[in-house]
Amino acid sequence: MLDDATHRRIELFLFDEAKLLDAGQFEAWLKLYEPQGIYWIPSKPGQTDPLNVASIIYEDHAILSIRVQRLLEARALVLTPMPHTTHLVSNIEVEQAGDGAFTACAAFICVEFQAEKQKMYSGRLTHRLVSAGDSFRIASKRVDLLNCDGILAPMTIPL
């Protein structure tokens, strides 16, 4: 059984990740990932294969780095004006996965406002976290959107 202190540290880590995204601190957000870290948004409910089935997003650290550079580039038309977001993370459940790794599952809502339009994304997050000193690093983050198999507006800010 996971002790309360570790559970709380993981909750705070997930809250900090959300704060970094909302503050536009994308380089700091990227540093939360392991060098082999994966960011995945499946396109089908219950999807298990990110490589042989099309995904909404399936990015390794190198592609995430490019995404962050584009977010920081003022000339990107999709970011004019820059979107504002609020990420809400709740109902966090944590399990120890062994070897200093943990699986954290949570419900989320992300509201994005840009150019007088508001979009909302919601669903479940699954983080695989590894211990890194007194904190954690993201080995993988899976975002299961409630409407992943529907028509989605372009996503500019990571969820």
N, C-alpha and C. Protein backbone atom coordinates (compact mmCIF):
# COMPACT_ATOMS: atom_id res chain seq x y z
N MET A 1 0.84 -1.19 0.00
CA MET A 1 0.00 0.00 0.00
C MET A 1 0.88 1.25 0.00
N LEU A 2 0.47 2.24 -0.74
CA LEU A 2 1.23 3.48 -0.87
C LEU A 2 1.00 4.37 0.36
N ASP A 3 2.08 4.93 0.88
CA ASP A 3 1.93 5.79 2.05
C ASP A 3 1.36 7.15 1.66
N ASP A 4 0.72 7.80 2.61
CA ASP A 4 0.04 9.08 2.36
C ASP A 4 1.00 10.16 1.89
N ALA A 5 2.21 10.19 2.41
CA ALA A 5 3.18 11.23 2.05
C ALA A 5 3.56 11.12 0.57
N THR A 6 3.79 9.91 0.09
CA THR A 6 4.14 9.72 -1.32
C THR A 6 2.95 10.06 -2.21
N HIS A 7 1.77 9.64 -1.80
CA HIS A 7 0.56 9.97 -2.57
C HIS A 7 0.43 11.49 -2.69
N ARG A 8 0.62 12.18 -1.60
CA ARG A 8 0.50 13.65 -1.61
C ARG A 8 1.56 14.29 -2.50
N ARG A 9 2.80 13.79 -2.45
CA ARG A 9 3.87 14.33 -3.31
C ARG A 9 3.52 14.15 -4.78
N ILE A 10 2.91 13.04 -5.13
CA ILE A 10 2.51 12.80 -6.52
C ILE A 10 1.35 13.72 -6.91
N GLU A 11 0.39 13.90 -6.01
CA GLU A 11 -0.70 14.85 -6.27
C GLU A 11 -0.13 16.24 -6.55
N LEU A 12 0.79 16.69 -5.70
CA LEU A 12 1.38 18.02 -5.87
C LEU A 12 2.17 18.11 -7.18
N PHE A 13 2.83 17.03 -7.58
CA PHE A 13 3.55 16.99 -8.85
C PHE A 13 2.57 17.20 -10.02
N LEU A 14 1.43 16.51 -9.99
CA LEU A 14 0.44 16.66 -11.06
C LEU A 14 -0.15 18.07 -11.06
N PHE A 15 -0.39 18.63 -9.89
CA PHE A 15 -0.89 20.00 -9.81
C PHE A 15 0.15 20.98 -10.37
N ASP A 16 1.43 20.75 -10.04
CA ASP A 16 2.49 21.63 -10.56
C ASP A 16 2.60 21.53 -12.07
N GLU A 17 2.43 20.32 -12.62
CA GLU A 17 2.45 20.19 -14.08
C GLU A 17 1.35 21.05 -14.70
N ALA A 18 0.15 20.99 -14.14
CA ALA A 18 -0.96 21.79 -14.65
C ALA A 18 -0.66 23.28 -14.56
N LYS A 19 -0.06 23.71 -13.45
CA LYS A 19 0.28 25.12 -13.27
C LYS A 19 1.29 25.59 -14.31
N LEU A 20 2.28 24.75 -14.60
CA LEU A 20 3.28 25.11 -15.62
C LEU A 20 2.62 25.32 -16.97
N LEU A 21 1.71 24.44 -17.34
CA LEU A 21 1.01 24.59 -18.62
C LEU A 21 0.17 25.86 -18.64
N ASP A 22 -0.55 26.12 -17.56
CA ASP A 22 -1.39 27.32 -17.50
C ASP A 22 -0.57 28.61 -17.52
N ALA A 23 0.62 28.56 -16.96
CA ALA A 23 1.49 29.74 -16.92
C ALA A 23 2.29 29.91 -18.21
N GLY A 24 2.17 28.97 -19.13
CA GLY A 24 2.93 29.07 -20.38
C GLY A 24 4.40 28.75 -20.20
N GLN A 25 4.75 28.05 -19.13
CA GLN A 25 6.14 27.68 -18.87
C GLN A 25 6.42 26.31 -19.50
N PHE A 26 6.42 26.30 -20.82
CA PHE A 26 6.48 25.05 -21.56
C PHE A 26 7.86 24.39 -21.49
N GLU A 27 8.91 25.18 -21.41
CA GLU A 27 10.25 24.57 -21.26
C GLU A 27 10.37 23.86 -19.92
N ALA A 28 9.85 24.48 -18.87
CA ALA A 28 9.87 23.84 -17.55
C ALA A 28 8.99 22.59 -17.56
N TRP A 29 7.86 22.64 -18.27
CA TRP A 29 6.99 21.47 -18.39
C TRP A 29 7.73 20.33 -19.08
N LEU A 30 8.44 20.64 -20.15
CA LEU A 30 9.19 19.61 -20.88
C LEU A 30 10.25 18.96 -19.99
N LYS A 31 10.83 19.72 -19.08
CA LYS A 31 11.85 19.17 -18.18
C LYS A 31 11.28 18.16 -17.19
N LEU A 32 9.96 18.11 -17.06
CA LEU A 32 9.34 17.11 -16.19
C LEU A 32 9.42 15.71 -16.80
N TYR A 33 9.67 15.64 -18.12
CA TYR A 33 9.70 14.36 -18.83
C TYR A 33 11.06 13.70 -18.77
N GLU A 34 11.04 12.39 -18.71
CA GLU A 34 12.26 11.59 -18.89
C GLU A 34 12.74 11.79 -20.33
N PRO A 35 14.04 11.63 -20.60
CA PRO A 35 14.53 11.75 -21.97
C PRO A 35 13.83 10.80 -22.96
N GLN A 36 13.31 9.68 -22.46
CA GLN A 36 12.58 8.73 -23.31
C GLN A 36 11.07 8.88 -23.13
N GLY A 37 10.64 9.97 -22.51
CA GLY A 37 9.23 10.15 -22.17
C GLY A 37 8.32 10.22 -23.38
N ILE A 38 7.09 9.77 -23.19
CA ILE A 38 6.08 9.73 -24.26
C ILE A 38 4.84 10.49 -23.81
N TYR A 39 4.27 11.26 -24.74
CA TYR A 39 3.00 11.97 -24.55
C TYR A 39 2.04 11.41 -25.58
N TRP A 40 0.92 10.81 -25.12
CA TRP A 40 0.03 10.08 -26.02
C TRP A 40 -1.42 10.46 -25.78
N ILE A 41 -2.12 10.77 -26.88
CA ILE A 41 -3.56 10.96 -26.85
C ILE A 41 -4.15 9.96 -27.85
N PRO A 42 -4.73 8.86 -27.37
CA PRO A 42 -5.34 7.87 -28.28
C PRO A 42 -6.54 8.45 -29.04
N SER A 43 -6.85 7.84 -30.17
CA SER A 43 -7.97 8.30 -30.99
C SER A 43 -9.22 7.45 -30.81
N LYS A 44 -9.10 6.37 -30.04
CA LYS A 44 -10.24 5.47 -29.83
C LYS A 44 -10.33 5.11 -28.34
N PRO A 45 -11.53 4.99 -27.82
CA PRO A 45 -11.66 4.54 -26.42
C PRO A 45 -11.02 3.17 -26.24
N GLY A 46 -10.24 3.02 -25.18
CA GLY A 46 -9.61 1.74 -24.88
C GLY A 46 -8.46 1.36 -25.80
N GLN A 47 -7.99 2.27 -26.62
CA GLN A 47 -6.90 1.97 -27.57
C GLN A 47 -5.67 1.50 -26.81
N THR A 48 -5.06 0.42 -27.28
CA THR A 48 -3.88 -0.14 -26.61
C THR A 48 -2.62 -0.02 -27.46
N ASP A 49 -2.75 0.24 -28.74
CA ASP A 49 -1.61 0.28 -29.64
C ASP A 49 -1.43 1.68 -30.21
N PRO A 50 -0.39 2.39 -29.78
CA PRO A 50 -0.18 3.73 -30.30
C PRO A 50 0.57 3.77 -31.64
N LEU A 51 1.16 2.66 -32.03
CA LEU A 51 2.00 2.66 -33.23
C LEU A 51 1.30 2.15 -34.48
N ASN A 52 0.43 1.16 -34.34
CA ASN A 52 -0.23 0.59 -35.52
C ASN A 52 -1.68 1.06 -35.68
N VAL A 53 -2.13 1.88 -34.76
CA VAL A 53 -3.45 2.49 -34.84
C VAL A 53 -3.22 4.00 -34.73
N ALA A 54 -3.87 4.76 -35.60
CA ALA A 54 -3.68 6.21 -35.60
C ALA A 54 -4.03 6.79 -34.23
N SER A 55 -3.22 7.71 -33.78
CA SER A 55 -3.46 8.42 -32.52
C SER A 55 -3.67 9.89 -32.82
N ILE A 56 -4.32 10.58 -31.91
CA ILE A 56 -4.45 12.03 -32.05
C ILE A 56 -3.06 12.65 -31.91
N ILE A 57 -2.34 12.23 -30.88
CA ILE A 57 -0.95 12.65 -30.67
C ILE A 57 -0.20 11.47 -30.09
N TYR A 58 0.99 11.23 -30.61
CA TYR A 58 1.92 10.27 -30.01
C TYR A 58 3.30 10.85 -30.24
N GLU A 59 3.88 11.43 -29.19
CA GLU A 59 5.13 12.16 -29.34
C GLU A 59 6.15 11.72 -28.32
N ASP A 60 7.37 11.53 -28.79
CA ASP A 60 8.47 11.25 -27.89
C ASP A 60 9.08 12.59 -27.48
N HIS A 61 10.13 12.53 -26.68
CA HIS A 61 10.74 13.75 -26.13
C HIS A 61 11.22 14.69 -27.23
N ALA A 62 11.79 14.14 -28.30
CA ALA A 62 12.30 14.98 -29.39
C ALA A 62 11.17 15.76 -30.06
N ILE A 63 10.05 15.12 -30.31
CA ILE A 63 8.91 15.80 -30.93
C ILE A 63 8.27 16.77 -29.95
N LEU A 64 8.22 16.40 -28.68
CA LEU A 64 7.72 17.33 -27.67
C LEU A 64 8.58 18.59 -27.62
N SER A 65 9.88 18.44 -27.79
CA SER A 65 10.78 19.60 -27.81
C SER A 65 10.43 20.54 -28.96
N ILE A 66 10.12 19.97 -30.12
CA ILE A 66 9.72 20.79 -31.27
C ILE A 66 8.39 21.49 -30.97
N ARG A 67 7.46 20.76 -30.36
CA ARG A 67 6.17 21.37 -29.98
C ARG A 67 6.40 22.56 -29.06
N VAL A 68 7.27 22.41 -28.07
CA VAL A 68 7.56 23.50 -27.13
C VAL A 68 8.19 24.68 -27.86
N GLN A 69 9.11 24.43 -28.76
CA GLN A 69 9.73 25.54 -29.52
C GLN A 69 8.67 26.29 -30.32
N ARG A 70 7.73 25.58 -30.92
CA ARG A 70 6.67 26.25 -31.69
C ARG A 70 5.77 27.07 -30.77
N LEU A 71 5.51 26.58 -29.56
CA LEU A 71 4.69 27.33 -28.62
C LEU A 71 5.38 28.62 -28.19
N LEU A 72 6.70 28.60 -28.17
CA LEU A 72 7.46 29.78 -27.73
C LEU A 72 7.73 30.76 -28.86
N GLU A 73 7.47 30.34 -30.09
CA GLU A 73 7.75 31.18 -31.25
C GLU A 73 6.58 32.12 -31.49
N ALA A 74 6.84 33.40 -31.41
CA ALA A 74 5.79 34.40 -31.49
C ALA A 74 5.12 34.46 -32.86
N ARG A 75 5.76 33.94 -33.90
CA ARG A 75 5.21 34.05 -35.25
C ARG A 75 4.19 32.97 -35.58
N ALA A 76 4.00 32.00 -34.73
CA ALA A 76 3.08 30.91 -35.03
C ALA A 76 1.65 31.45 -35.08
N LEU A 77 1.01 31.38 -36.26
CA LEU A 77 -0.32 31.95 -36.45
C LEU A 77 -1.37 31.29 -35.56
N VAL A 78 -1.25 30.00 -35.34
CA VAL A 78 -2.23 29.31 -34.52
C VAL A 78 -2.19 29.80 -33.07
N LEU A 79 -1.12 30.48 -32.70
CA LEU A 79 -0.97 30.98 -31.33
C LEU A 79 -1.17 32.49 -31.24
N THR A 80 -1.84 33.08 -32.24
CA THR A 80 -2.08 34.51 -32.23
C THR A 80 -3.58 34.75 -32.12
N PRO A 81 -4.05 35.28 -31.02
CA PRO A 81 -3.31 35.54 -29.79
C PRO A 81 -3.03 34.24 -29.03
N MET A 82 -2.11 34.34 -28.10
CA MET A 82 -1.73 33.15 -27.32
C MET A 82 -2.93 32.69 -26.49
N PRO A 83 -3.25 31.40 -26.53
CA PRO A 83 -4.37 30.88 -25.74
C PRO A 83 -4.08 30.96 -24.24
N HIS A 84 -5.13 31.07 -23.46
CA HIS A 84 -5.06 30.98 -22.01
C HIS A 84 -5.76 29.69 -21.61
N THR A 85 -5.21 28.99 -20.63
CA THR A 85 -5.82 27.73 -20.22
C THR A 85 -5.97 27.65 -18.70
N THR A 86 -6.89 26.81 -18.31
CA THR A 86 -7.01 26.38 -16.92
C THR A 86 -7.14 24.86 -16.96
N HIS A 87 -6.16 24.19 -16.35
CA HIS A 87 -6.18 22.74 -16.22
C HIS A 87 -6.63 22.38 -14.81
N LEU A 88 -7.69 21.60 -14.71
CA LEU A 88 -8.16 21.11 -13.42
C LEU A 88 -7.88 19.62 -13.36
N VAL A 89 -7.24 19.19 -12.29
CA VAL A 89 -6.88 17.78 -12.10
C VAL A 89 -7.48 17.33 -10.78
N SER A 90 -8.22 16.21 -10.80
CA SER A 90 -8.86 15.75 -9.56
C SER A 90 -8.98 14.22 -9.55
N ASN A 91 -9.51 13.72 -8.46
CA ASN A 91 -9.75 12.28 -8.28
C ASN A 91 -8.49 11.47 -8.58
N ILE A 92 -7.39 11.88 -8.00
CA ILE A 92 -6.10 11.26 -8.27
C ILE A 92 -5.97 9.95 -7.49
N GLU A 93 -5.66 8.90 -8.22
CA GLU A 93 -5.40 7.58 -7.63
C GLU A 93 -3.99 7.18 -8.02
N VAL A 94 -3.23 6.68 -7.05
CA VAL A 94 -1.83 6.33 -7.30
C VAL A 94 -1.57 4.90 -6.87
N GLU A 95 -0.82 4.19 -7.70
CA GLU A 95 -0.37 2.83 -7.36
C GLU A 95 1.12 2.75 -7.59
N GLN A 96 1.78 2.00 -6.74
CA GLN A 96 3.20 1.76 -6.92
C GLN A 96 3.35 0.69 -8.00
N ALA A 97 4.23 0.97 -8.97
CA ALA A 97 4.42 0.04 -10.09
C ALA A 97 5.72 -0.74 -9.97
N GLY A 98 6.50 -0.48 -8.93
CA GLY A 98 7.78 -1.17 -8.74
C GLY A 98 8.94 -0.38 -9.28
N ASP A 99 10.13 -0.70 -8.80
CA ASP A 99 11.38 -0.05 -9.23
C ASP A 99 11.31 1.48 -9.13
N GLY A 100 10.67 1.99 -8.10
CA GLY A 100 10.58 3.44 -7.92
C GLY A 100 9.63 4.11 -8.89
N ALA A 101 8.80 3.33 -9.57
CA ALA A 101 7.84 3.88 -10.53
C ALA A 101 6.43 3.87 -9.93
N PHE A 102 5.60 4.76 -10.42
CA PHE A 102 4.23 4.88 -9.94
C PHE A 102 3.31 5.13 -11.13
N THR A 103 2.07 4.69 -11.00
CA THR A 103 1.04 5.01 -11.98
C THR A 103 0.03 5.89 -11.27
N ALA A 104 -0.19 7.07 -11.85
CA ALA A 104 -1.15 8.02 -11.29
C ALA A 104 -2.25 8.25 -12.31
N CYS A 105 -3.48 7.99 -11.92
CA CYS A 105 -4.64 8.20 -12.78
C CYS A 105 -5.47 9.34 -12.19
N ALA A 106 -6.02 10.18 -13.06
CA ALA A 106 -6.79 11.32 -12.58
C ALA A 106 -7.82 11.74 -13.63
N ALA A 107 -8.86 12.40 -13.16
CA ALA A 107 -9.81 13.05 -14.04
C ALA A 107 -9.27 14.45 -14.33
N PHE A 108 -9.60 14.99 -15.51
CA PHE A 108 -9.14 16.34 -15.82
C PHE A 108 -10.17 17.07 -16.67
N ILE A 109 -10.10 18.38 -16.57
CA ILE A 109 -10.81 19.29 -17.48
C ILE A 109 -9.79 20.36 -17.85
N CYS A 110 -9.72 20.68 -19.12
CA CYS A 110 -8.88 21.79 -19.58
C CYS A 110 -9.77 22.73 -20.37
N VAL A 111 -9.82 23.98 -19.93
CA VAL A 111 -10.56 25.01 -20.64
C VAL A 111 -9.52 25.92 -21.29
N GLU A 112 -9.70 26.13 -22.60
CA GLU A 112 -8.79 26.98 -23.37
C GLU A 112 -9.58 28.14 -23.94
N PHE A 113 -9.05 29.35 -23.79
CA PHE A 113 -9.69 30.55 -24.32
C PHE A 113 -8.71 31.24 -25.26
N GLN A 114 -9.17 31.50 -26.48
CA GLN A 114 -8.32 32.16 -27.48
C GLN A 114 -9.21 32.86 -28.49
N ALA A 115 -8.89 34.10 -28.77
CA ALA A 115 -9.58 34.88 -29.80
C ALA A 115 -11.11 34.82 -29.63
N GLU A 116 -11.56 35.10 -28.42
CA GLU A 116 -12.99 35.15 -28.10
C GLU A 116 -13.71 33.81 -28.23
N LYS A 117 -12.96 32.72 -28.31
CA LYS A 117 -13.57 31.39 -28.38
C LYS A 117 -13.04 30.54 -27.24
N GLN A 118 -13.93 29.74 -26.69
CA GLN A 118 -13.56 28.86 -25.59
C GLN A 118 -13.78 27.41 -26.01
N LYS A 119 -12.78 26.58 -25.70
CA LYS A 119 -12.86 25.14 -25.96
C LYS A 119 -12.67 24.42 -24.63
N MET A 120 -13.28 23.26 -24.53
CA MET A 120 -13.11 22.47 -23.31
C MET A 120 -12.78 21.03 -23.69
N TYR A 121 -11.79 20.50 -22.99
CA TYR A 121 -11.39 19.11 -23.15
C TYR A 121 -11.52 18.45 -21.78
N SER A 122 -11.95 17.20 -21.77
CA SER A 122 -12.04 16.48 -20.49
C SER A 122 -11.79 15.00 -20.73
N GLY A 123 -11.47 14.32 -19.65
CA GLY A 123 -11.24 12.89 -19.74
C GLY A 123 -10.42 12.40 -18.56
N ARG A 124 -9.56 11.42 -18.84
CA ARG A 124 -8.73 10.79 -17.81
C ARG A 124 -7.27 10.89 -18.21
N LEU A 125 -6.43 11.13 -17.24
CA LEU A 125 -4.97 11.15 -17.41
C LEU A 125 -4.38 9.92 -16.75
N THR A 126 -3.38 9.34 -17.39
CA THR A 126 -2.61 8.27 -16.77
C THR A 126 -1.14 8.61 -16.93
N HIS A 127 -0.51 8.92 -15.82
CA HIS A 127 0.92 9.21 -15.81
C HIS A 127 1.67 7.99 -15.29
N ARG A 128 2.76 7.66 -15.94
CA ARG A 128 3.73 6.72 -15.37
C ARG A 128 4.89 7.59 -14.92
N LEU A 129 5.11 7.61 -13.62
CA LEU A 129 6.12 8.48 -13.02
C LEU A 129 7.25 7.64 -12.46
N VAL A 130 8.46 8.17 -12.56
CA VAL A 130 9.62 7.54 -11.95
C VAL A 130 10.21 8.51 -10.94
N SER A 131 10.74 7.97 -9.87
CA SER A 131 11.37 8.80 -8.85
C SER A 131 12.60 9.48 -9.41
N ALA A 132 12.76 10.75 -9.04
CA ALA A 132 13.92 11.53 -9.46
C ALA A 132 14.32 12.40 -8.27
N GLY A 133 15.19 11.88 -7.42
CA GLY A 133 15.56 12.60 -6.20
C GLY A 133 14.34 12.70 -5.30
N ASP A 134 14.00 13.94 -4.92
CA ASP A 134 12.83 14.13 -4.06
C ASP A 134 11.57 14.47 -4.86
N SER A 135 11.65 14.29 -6.19
CA SER A 135 10.50 14.56 -7.05
C SER A 135 10.28 13.38 -7.99
N PHE A 136 9.69 13.66 -9.14
CA PHE A 136 9.37 12.62 -10.11
C PHE A 136 9.65 13.13 -11.51
N ARG A 137 9.72 12.21 -12.46
CA ARG A 137 9.80 12.54 -13.88
C ARG A 137 8.72 11.73 -14.58
N ILE A 138 8.22 12.28 -15.68
CA ILE A 138 7.16 11.61 -16.44
C ILE A 138 7.80 10.67 -17.45
N ALA A 139 7.56 9.37 -17.29
CA ALA A 139 8.01 8.38 -18.27
C ALA A 139 7.00 8.29 -19.41
N SER A 140 5.72 8.43 -19.06
CA SER A 140 4.68 8.50 -20.10
C SER A 140 3.46 9.20 -19.52
N LYS A 141 2.76 9.87 -20.43
CA LYS A 141 1.50 10.52 -20.07
C LYS A 141 0.49 10.17 -21.15
N ARG A 142 -0.58 9.53 -20.73
CA ARG A 142 -1.67 9.16 -21.64
C ARG A 142 -2.86 10.02 -21.30
N VAL A 143 -3.44 10.65 -22.32
CA VAL A 143 -4.61 11.51 -22.15
C VAL A 143 -5.76 10.85 -22.89
N ASP A 144 -6.70 10.27 -22.15
CA ASP A 144 -7.88 9.66 -22.75
C ASP A 144 -9.02 10.68 -22.75
N LEU A 145 -9.20 11.30 -23.90
CA LEU A 145 -10.26 12.30 -24.04
C LEU A 145 -11.62 11.64 -24.03
N LEU A 146 -12.57 12.27 -23.38
CA LEU A 146 -13.93 11.77 -23.34
C LEU A 146 -14.49 11.59 -24.75
N ASN A 147 -14.15 12.51 -25.64
CA ASN A 147 -14.67 12.49 -27.01
C ASN A 147 -13.57 12.21 -28.03
N CYS A 148 -12.64 11.33 -27.69
CA CYS A 148 -11.49 11.07 -28.56
C CYS A 148 -11.87 10.59 -29.95
N ASP A 149 -13.01 9.96 -30.08
CA ASP A 149 -13.44 9.46 -31.38
C ASP A 149 -14.40 10.41 -32.08
N GLY A 150 -14.50 11.63 -31.57
CA GLY A 150 -15.35 12.66 -32.18
C GLY A 150 -14.51 13.62 -33.02
N ILE A 151 -15.14 14.68 -33.47
CA ILE A 151 -14.45 15.72 -34.22
C ILE A 151 -13.90 16.72 -33.22
N LEU A 152 -12.59 16.92 -33.27
CA LEU A 152 -11.92 17.78 -32.30
C LEU A 152 -11.35 19.01 -32.97
N ALA A 153 -11.42 20.13 -32.26
CA ALA A 153 -10.75 21.34 -32.71
C ALA A 153 -9.25 21.16 -32.52
N PRO A 154 -8.45 21.86 -33.31
CA PRO A 154 -6.99 21.74 -33.12
C PRO A 154 -6.59 22.09 -31.68
N MET A 155 -5.69 21.30 -31.13
CA MET A 155 -5.19 21.52 -29.77
C MET A 155 -3.87 22.27 -29.86
N THR A 156 -3.79 23.39 -29.19
CA THR A 156 -2.57 24.18 -29.24
C THR A 156 -1.71 23.97 -28.00
N ILE A 157 -2.32 23.93 -26.83
CA ILE A 157 -1.60 23.77 -25.57
C ILE A 157 -1.74 22.31 -25.13
N PRO A 158 -0.65 21.69 -24.68
CA PRO A 158 -0.76 20.30 -24.21
C PRO A 158 -1.78 20.18 -23.09
N LEU A 159 -2.41 19.03 -23.02
CA LEU A 159 -3.43 18.78 -22.00
C LEU A 159 -2.80 18.18 -20.75
